[in-house]
Amino acid sequence: MTSNKHIRNNCDSGETPPRRNFLKTAVVGAAFAGAMMMGAGQAHAATTWKIQSVWDAGTVGYDLFEQWCNSMEEKSGGELIFKPFPAKAVAADNNALFDSVRNGVLQGMNPFTLYWSGKIPASVFLSSYPAGPDQPHQWDTMFYSMGMLEKTREIYKKYGLFYVGPIQHDANIIHSKKPVNSLEDLKGMKIRVPGGMVAEVFQQFGVSTVSLPGSDIFPALEKGTIDAADYVGPAVNWELGFSQVTDYIMFGPPGVMSVYQPVDLMDLTVNLRAWNSLDPKLQQLVEDEVRNYSQKHYLTIQQRNIEAMEKFKEAGDTVTRLSQEDLQEFRRAAIPIWYKWANKDDDARAIFDMQLEYMMNETVGYVDESDLEGVPGR
């Protein structure tokens, strides 16, 4: 009787018997564990992309690229991580870089777009070329206002790649052992230049062209096996020590640093499967960030160029300039070669036609009908 009364009194007083406490705790615990498991299943794990640049470690170009990549985790709220690599860190050369992104070994790359002219003929028109559009804003206009970005993405899709967007870099310039004050001065010189269209145009002026990787330029100039060399802009070329082995820097007319590659664009290109697997909001973030990075990259390098030119001057280097007339003559020699490359395939022609229409528009006025008369392949 006593025992039953004790139990009844406990119930009447509102106290929960030990067994009911245990059951209640077990139910709540199971519900909490279930919620945690459901939450874990719904959480988005961070996506990590390995992206290799063609910039060498220690250059201003790579420093900027690394900083930008490292900022993406915070900007994406921890959902997207860019892991940067300098030139040759994963893919040993440009061909390997292209294939590594296509095959998914790397998810992205930061190359000079012109590198793919042998693989994607249209890419020769996705960065500046001899005597073509020579101002950075002209390229942004063509990409973002005239449909060139959409056409480029359509082309890259055929290769399993997604072209996110152009990244403004700089002009390419020539460092020389002797002064070049006119196109006539080029005759007989042996110059390292990029292959393809650039080499073909220089050959029209009696230049013997040589193709060398960037790492071989300094020793070739030092030994005198070449008379001059094209490479990137003043900031990086100062870091590479070109002032120690040359005395002159060839520019175009005032306002144009280079007549042959005045807007040497880079880009961010990613594996198409990796891009398609990304949440649309993250895709938009990456596109927006490429445009932001393009501006920062360009402006920082321009600032460094100004500083570098002072250093070149202090070291005794002299700037020589081609004239506006030289530029016009260079363009006349280049136009037939434009068409030669444009007619390599339909995609190259489609990109070139967009640009030619722009260059012939009165807002630009680089080319008119008289320049095109009798041009083969027109």
Protein backbone atom coordinates (compact mmCIF):
# COMPACT_ATOMS: atom_id res chain seq x y z
CA MET A 1 0.00 0.00 0.00
CA THR A 2 2.71 2.42 0.91
CA SER A 3 4.48 1.89 -2.38
CA ASN A 4 1.35 2.45 -4.43
CA LYS A 5 0.47 5.55 -2.51
CA HIS A 6 3.96 6.95 -3.09
CA ILE A 7 3.61 6.45 -6.81
CA ARG A 8 0.14 7.95 -6.89
CA ASN A 9 1.20 10.95 -4.87
CA ASN A 10 4.11 11.59 -7.21
CA CYS A 11 1.74 11.54 -10.17
CA ASP A 12 -0.72 13.82 -8.44
CA SER A 13 2.03 16.30 -7.58
CA GLY A 14 3.12 16.62 -11.24
CA GLU A 15 6.53 15.03 -10.77
CA THR A 16 7.67 12.80 -13.66
CA PRO A 17 8.71 9.27 -12.73
CA PRO A 18 12.31 8.34 -13.61
CA ARG A 19 11.34 5.99 -16.48
CA ARG A 20 9.21 8.67 -18.16
CA ASN A 21 12.10 11.13 -17.78
CA PHE A 22 14.37 8.67 -19.54
CA LEU A 23 11.91 8.11 -22.40
CA LYS A 24 11.36 11.83 -22.86
CA THR A 25 15.09 12.50 -22.95
CA ALA A 26 15.63 9.68 -25.44
CA VAL A 27 12.93 11.01 -27.78
CA VAL A 28 14.27 14.57 -27.67
CA GLY A 29 17.83 13.34 -28.19
CA ALA A 30 16.84 11.25 -31.17
CA ALA A 31 14.97 14.17 -32.70
CA PHE A 32 17.98 16.48 -32.21
CA ALA A 33 20.33 13.91 -33.73
CA GLY A 34 18.01 13.48 -36.69
CA ALA A 35 17.85 17.22 -37.23
CA MET A 36 21.64 17.40 -37.13
CA MET A 37 21.91 14.63 -39.70
CA MET A 38 19.39 16.34 -41.95
CA GLY A 39 21.24 19.63 -41.57
CA ALA A 40 24.53 17.97 -42.41
CA GLY A 41 23.01 16.51 -45.54
CA GLN A 42 21.72 19.93 -46.62
CA ALA A 43 24.91 21.88 -45.90
CA HIS A 44 26.96 22.88 -48.92
CA ALA A 45 30.55 21.69 -48.75
CA ALA A 46 33.04 24.23 -50.08
CA THR A 47 34.02 23.80 -53.72
CA THR A 48 37.76 24.09 -54.29
CA TRP A 49 39.21 24.96 -57.70
CA LYS A 50 42.89 24.59 -58.48
CA ILE A 51 43.87 27.39 -60.87
CA GLN A 52 47.29 27.80 -62.46
CA SER A 53 48.53 31.13 -63.79
CA VAL A 54 51.22 31.62 -66.42
CA TRP A 55 52.81 34.26 -64.20
CA ASP A 56 56.06 33.20 -62.54
CA ALA A 57 56.11 33.25 -58.75
CA GLY A 58 57.59 36.46 -57.37
CA THR A 59 56.39 38.73 -60.18
CA VAL A 60 53.86 41.50 -59.66
CA GLY A 61 51.49 39.58 -61.94
CA TYR A 62 51.50 36.48 -59.78
CA ASP A 63 51.31 38.45 -56.53
CA LEU A 64 48.10 40.09 -57.77
CA PHE A 65 46.68 36.78 -58.98
CA GLU A 66 47.43 35.06 -55.68
CA GLN A 67 45.82 37.85 -53.65
CA TRP A 68 42.70 37.71 -55.80
CA CYS A 69 42.40 33.93 -55.53
CA ASN A 70 42.83 34.06 -51.77
CA SER A 71 39.99 36.58 -51.49
CA MET A 72 37.37 34.33 -53.08
CA GLU A 73 36.65 32.19 -50.02
CA GLU A 74 35.51 35.19 -47.98
CA LYS A 75 33.64 36.77 -50.90
CA SER A 76 31.71 33.55 -51.49
CA GLY A 77 30.85 33.06 -47.84
CA GLY A 78 33.12 30.03 -47.69
CA GLU A 79 31.39 28.25 -50.56
CA LEU A 80 34.10 28.62 -53.20
CA ILE A 81 37.87 28.39 -52.73
CA PHE A 82 40.43 29.25 -55.41
CA LYS A 83 43.78 27.56 -54.83
CA PRO A 84 46.38 29.42 -56.93
CA PHE A 85 49.50 28.00 -58.54
CA PRO A 86 52.29 29.83 -60.41
CA ALA A 87 53.59 28.89 -63.84
CA LYS A 88 54.72 25.26 -64.23
CA ALA A 89 53.65 24.29 -60.69
CA VAL A 90 51.15 21.65 -61.86
CA ALA A 91 51.25 21.78 -65.67
CA ALA A 92 54.83 21.99 -66.94
CA ASP A 93 54.14 24.01 -70.09
CA ASN A 94 51.36 25.75 -72.00
CA ASN A 95 50.20 22.65 -73.87
CA ALA A 96 50.01 20.73 -70.63
CA LEU A 97 48.14 23.63 -69.02
CA PHE A 98 45.47 23.60 -71.73
CA ASP A 99 45.04 19.83 -71.47
CA SER A 100 45.06 19.83 -67.66
CA VAL A 101 42.08 22.18 -67.56
CA ARG A 102 40.20 20.28 -70.27
CA ASN A 103 40.78 16.99 -68.41
CA GLY A 104 39.92 18.39 -64.97
CA VAL A 105 43.37 17.98 -63.38
CA LEU A 106 43.11 21.73 -62.89
CA GLN A 107 39.73 23.44 -62.71
CA GLY A 108 40.97 26.70 -64.17
CA MET A 109 43.80 28.65 -65.76
CA ASN A 110 44.94 32.25 -66.07
CA PRO A 111 46.80 32.33 -69.41
CA PHE A 112 47.60 34.86 -72.08
CA THR A 113 44.73 34.20 -74.48
CA LEU A 114 47.02 34.37 -77.51
CA TYR A 115 48.74 31.16 -76.40
CA TRP A 116 45.98 29.09 -77.99
CA SER A 117 46.24 30.43 -81.55
CA GLY A 118 47.51 27.02 -82.69
CA LYS A 119 44.68 25.16 -80.96
CA ILE A 120 41.85 27.69 -81.29
CA PRO A 121 42.55 29.90 -84.33
CA ALA A 122 39.95 32.44 -83.19
CA SER A 123 42.02 33.16 -80.09
CA VAL A 124 44.47 35.18 -82.19
CA PHE A 125 41.66 37.77 -82.35
CA LEU A 126 40.79 37.52 -78.64
CA SER A 127 43.83 39.57 -77.69
CA SER A 128 45.47 42.44 -79.52
CA TYR A 129 47.28 41.79 -82.76
CA PRO A 130 49.49 43.91 -85.04
CA ALA A 131 47.96 47.35 -85.65
CA GLY A 132 44.50 46.20 -84.53
CA PRO A 133 42.43 47.77 -81.71
CA ASP A 134 45.02 49.32 -79.43
CA GLN A 135 43.17 50.73 -76.42
CA PRO A 136 41.98 48.65 -73.45
CA HIS A 137 38.49 50.17 -73.47
CA GLN A 138 38.05 49.06 -77.09
CA TRP A 139 38.48 45.44 -76.05
CA ASP A 140 36.09 45.77 -73.11
CA THR A 141 33.58 47.34 -75.50
CA MET A 142 33.84 44.46 -77.96
CA PHE A 143 33.59 41.80 -75.27
CA TYR A 144 30.87 43.27 -73.10
CA SER A 145 28.83 45.42 -75.49
CA MET A 146 29.14 43.87 -78.93
CA GLY A 147 28.55 40.15 -78.33
CA MET A 148 32.18 39.00 -78.48
CA LEU A 149 32.04 37.42 -75.02
CA GLU A 150 29.06 35.26 -75.94
CA LYS A 151 30.69 34.18 -79.21
CA THR A 152 33.93 33.36 -77.41
CA ARG A 153 32.12 31.17 -74.90
CA GLU A 154 30.39 29.37 -77.75
CA ILE A 155 33.79 28.63 -79.31
CA TYR A 156 35.44 27.49 -76.08
CA LYS A 157 32.53 25.19 -75.28
CA LYS A 158 33.59 23.00 -78.23
CA TYR A 159 36.81 22.29 -76.34
CA GLY A 160 35.17 21.48 -73.00
CA LEU A 161 36.09 24.89 -71.61
CA PHE A 162 34.24 27.92 -70.28
CA TYR A 163 35.75 31.33 -71.01
CA VAL A 164 34.78 33.40 -67.97
CA GLY A 165 36.16 36.71 -69.19
CA PRO A 166 39.14 38.80 -70.32
CA ILE A 167 41.66 40.17 -67.85
CA GLN A 168 43.37 43.40 -68.85
CA HIS A 169 47.11 43.15 -68.55
CA ASP A 170 49.38 45.51 -70.47
CA ALA A 171 51.14 46.20 -73.74
CA ASN A 172 54.06 44.08 -74.91
CA ILE A 173 57.24 46.00 -75.70
CA ILE A 174 60.59 45.36 -77.38
CA HIS A 175 63.94 45.77 -75.64
CA SER A 176 66.82 46.26 -78.08
CA LYS A 177 70.57 46.50 -78.18
CA LYS A 178 70.36 49.26 -80.79
CA PRO A 179 67.89 52.13 -81.34
CA VAL A 180 64.82 51.58 -83.50
CA ASN A 181 63.46 54.96 -84.60
CA SER A 182 61.63 53.77 -87.71
CA LEU A 183 60.41 50.62 -89.40
CA GLU A 184 63.44 50.87 -91.69
CA ASP A 185 65.68 50.34 -88.65
CA LEU A 186 64.17 46.89 -88.13
CA LYS A 187 65.65 45.52 -91.34
CA GLY A 188 68.24 42.81 -90.72
CA MET A 189 67.56 42.53 -86.99
CA LYS A 190 67.08 39.20 -85.23
CA ILE A 191 64.22 39.61 -82.78
CA ARG A 192 62.45 37.29 -80.39
CA VAL A 193 58.70 37.76 -80.94
CA PRO A 194 55.62 35.59 -80.50
CA GLY A 195 54.98 33.30 -83.44
CA GLY A 196 51.98 33.42 -85.72
CA MET A 197 50.60 36.73 -86.88
CA VAL A 198 53.11 38.92 -85.01
CA ALA A 199 56.11 37.14 -86.52
CA GLU A 200 54.60 37.23 -90.01
CA VAL A 201 54.10 41.00 -89.90
CA PHE A 202 57.61 41.71 -88.60
CA GLN A 203 59.01 39.54 -91.36
CA GLN A 204 57.48 41.98 -93.86
CA PHE A 205 60.02 44.54 -92.62
CA GLY A 206 63.11 42.34 -93.01
CA VAL A 207 63.20 41.00 -89.45
CA SER A 208 64.53 37.53 -88.74
CA THR A 209 62.12 36.30 -86.06
CA VAL A 210 62.93 33.81 -83.32
CA SER A 211 60.56 32.00 -80.98
CA LEU A 212 61.90 31.57 -77.44
CA PRO A 213 60.25 30.84 -74.09
CA GLY A 214 60.38 33.70 -71.62
CA SER A 215 63.06 32.03 -69.49
CA ASP A 216 65.46 31.93 -72.46
CA ILE A 217 65.22 35.61 -73.42
CA PHE A 218 67.72 37.07 -70.93
CA PRO A 219 70.55 34.63 -71.76
CA ALA A 220 69.94 35.06 -75.52
CA LEU A 221 70.22 38.84 -75.19
CA GLU A 222 73.22 38.50 -72.90
CA LYS A 223 75.06 36.26 -75.38
CA GLY A 224 74.07 38.43 -78.35
CA THR A 225 72.36 35.59 -80.22
CA ILE A 226 69.42 37.96 -80.73
CA ASP A 227 69.42 41.73 -81.23
CA ALA A 228 66.15 42.47 -79.47
CA ALA A 229 63.27 40.78 -77.74
CA ASP A 230 59.60 41.32 -77.22
CA TYR A 231 58.14 40.46 -73.84
CA VAL A 232 55.53 41.94 -71.54
CA GLY A 233 55.50 45.49 -70.13
CA PRO A 234 58.03 47.62 -68.24
CA ALA A 235 57.13 46.49 -64.71
CA VAL A 236 57.74 42.79 -65.27
CA ASN A 237 60.60 43.30 -67.74
CA TRP A 238 62.44 45.38 -65.14
CA GLU A 239 62.03 42.55 -62.63
CA LEU A 240 63.46 40.14 -65.23
CA GLY A 241 66.61 42.24 -65.59
CA PHE A 242 66.28 43.27 -69.23
CA SER A 243 68.00 46.58 -68.50
CA GLN A 244 71.21 44.68 -67.81
CA VAL A 245 71.40 43.30 -71.37
CA THR A 246 69.76 45.99 -73.56
CA ASP A 247 69.96 49.78 -73.90
CA TYR A 248 66.80 50.76 -75.81
CA ILE A 249 63.04 50.28 -75.49
CA MET A 250 60.89 50.54 -78.62
CA PHE A 251 57.45 52.15 -78.24
CA GLY A 252 54.84 53.18 -80.78
CA PRO A 253 53.66 56.77 -81.31
CA PRO A 254 52.77 58.80 -78.19
CA GLY A 255 49.84 57.12 -76.46
CA VAL A 256 50.63 53.72 -78.02
CA MET A 257 53.25 51.68 -76.20
CA SER A 258 53.16 48.88 -78.76
CA VAL A 259 52.14 48.68 -82.41
CA TYR A 260 52.11 44.88 -82.48
CA GLN A 261 50.51 43.80 -79.16
CA PRO A 262 49.17 46.92 -77.47
CA VAL A 263 46.49 45.17 -75.34
CA ASP A 264 47.87 41.75 -74.50
CA LEU A 265 44.87 40.21 -72.78
CA MET A 266 44.87 37.43 -70.24
CA ASP A 267 41.71 35.60 -69.15
CA LEU A 268 40.17 33.17 -66.70
CA THR A 269 39.15 29.94 -68.41
CA VAL A 270 37.72 26.98 -66.49
CA ASN A 271 36.77 23.38 -67.08
CA LEU A 272 33.23 23.32 -68.51
CA ARG A 273 32.04 20.51 -66.20
CA ALA A 274 33.37 22.37 -63.17
CA TRP A 275 31.58 25.52 -64.31
CA ASN A 276 28.26 23.77 -64.94
CA SER A 277 28.36 22.13 -61.51
CA LEU A 278 28.66 25.50 -59.80
CA ASP A 279 25.60 27.12 -58.25
CA PRO A 280 24.31 29.97 -60.50
CA LYS A 281 24.84 32.56 -57.77
CA LEU A 282 28.50 31.49 -57.52
CA GLN A 283 28.83 31.58 -61.31
CA GLN A 284 27.65 35.19 -61.24
CA LEU A 285 30.08 35.98 -58.42
CA VAL A 286 32.99 34.58 -60.43
CA GLU A 287 31.99 36.55 -63.53
CA ASP A 288 31.69 39.77 -61.51
CA GLU A 289 34.98 39.15 -59.74
CA VAL A 290 36.84 38.58 -63.02
CA ARG A 291 35.73 42.02 -64.19
CA ASN A 292 36.79 43.56 -60.87
CA TYR A 293 40.11 41.76 -60.95
CA SER A 294 40.72 42.83 -64.55
CA GLN A 295 40.54 46.46 -63.54
CA LYS A 296 42.71 46.04 -60.45
CA HIS A 297 45.28 43.97 -62.34
CA TYR A 298 45.53 46.51 -65.15
CA LEU A 299 45.69 49.61 -62.97
CA THR A 300 48.26 48.15 -60.58
CA ILE A 301 50.53 47.12 -63.43
CA GLN A 302 50.19 50.59 -65.02
CA GLN A 303 51.30 52.14 -61.74
CA ARG A 304 54.26 49.76 -61.59
CA ASN A 305 55.07 50.56 -65.24
CA ILE A 306 55.46 54.24 -64.42
CA GLU A 307 57.79 53.38 -61.55
CA ALA A 308 59.73 50.91 -63.71
CA MET A 309 60.25 53.41 -66.52
CA GLU A 310 61.94 55.73 -64.04
CA LYS A 311 64.23 52.86 -63.07
CA PHE A 312 65.02 52.10 -66.72
CA LYS A 313 65.83 55.77 -67.25
CA GLU A 314 68.11 55.87 -64.22
CA ALA A 315 69.86 52.75 -65.52
CA GLY A 316 70.59 54.50 -68.80
CA ASP A 317 67.95 52.96 -71.06
CA THR A 318 66.52 55.15 -73.83
CA VAL A 319 62.99 55.07 -75.22
CA THR A 320 62.68 55.26 -79.00
CA ARG A 321 59.35 55.77 -80.77
CA LEU A 322 57.88 54.83 -84.10
CA SER A 323 55.86 57.56 -85.79
CA GLN A 324 52.16 57.70 -86.62
CA GLU A 325 53.18 57.17 -90.25
CA ASP A 326 55.08 54.04 -89.22
CA LEU A 327 51.95 52.77 -87.49
CA GLN A 328 49.88 53.30 -90.64
CA GLU A 329 52.50 51.48 -92.72
CA PHE A 330 52.60 48.66 -90.17
CA ARG A 331 48.79 48.38 -90.41
CA ARG A 332 48.88 48.22 -94.22
CA ALA A 333 51.37 45.35 -94.00
CA ALA A 334 49.26 43.63 -91.33
CA ILE A 335 45.85 43.73 -93.03
CA PRO A 336 46.48 40.86 -95.51
CA ILE A 337 47.79 38.78 -92.59
CA TRP A 338 44.66 39.59 -90.58
CA TYR A 339 42.63 38.02 -93.36
CA LYS A 340 44.96 35.03 -93.63
CA TRP A 341 44.32 34.20 -89.98
CA ALA A 342 40.63 35.10 -90.11
CA ASN A 343 40.10 32.57 -92.87
CA LYS A 344 41.58 29.68 -90.89
CA ASP A 345 38.08 28.69 -89.73
CA ASP A 346 34.54 30.02 -89.37
CA ASP A 347 34.98 30.93 -85.71
CA ALA A 348 38.07 33.03 -86.37
CA ARG A 349 36.27 34.81 -89.20
CA ALA A 350 33.22 35.51 -87.03
CA ILE A 351 35.34 37.17 -84.32
CA PHE A 352 37.41 39.10 -86.86
CA ASP A 353 34.31 40.40 -88.67
CA MET A 354 33.02 41.86 -85.40
CA GLN A 355 36.32 43.65 -84.88
CA LEU A 356 36.69 44.87 -88.44
CA GLU A 357 33.22 46.42 -88.30
CA TYR A 358 34.24 48.19 -85.10
CA MET A 359 37.58 49.40 -86.53
CA MET A 360 35.77 50.78 -89.60
CA ASN A 361 33.18 52.60 -87.50
CA GLU A 362 33.81 56.35 -87.42
CA THR A 363 34.15 56.26 -83.63
CA VAL A 364 37.40 54.34 -84.16
CA GLY A 365 38.33 54.96 -87.79
CA TYR A 366 41.42 52.76 -87.99
CA VAL A 367 40.44 51.19 -91.31
CA ASP A 368 38.45 52.34 -94.35
CA GLU A 369 37.48 50.76 -97.66
CA SER A 370 40.62 52.00 -99.39
CA ASP A 371 42.75 49.96 -96.96
CA LEU A 372 40.97 46.78 -98.00
CA GLU A 373 41.08 47.10 -101.76
CA GLY A 374 42.67 44.07 -103.40
CA VAL A 375 43.36 42.26 -100.11
CA PRO A 376 43.42 38.47 -100.70
CA GLY A 377 40.76 36.50 -98.86
CA ARG A 378 38.52 39.46 -98.25
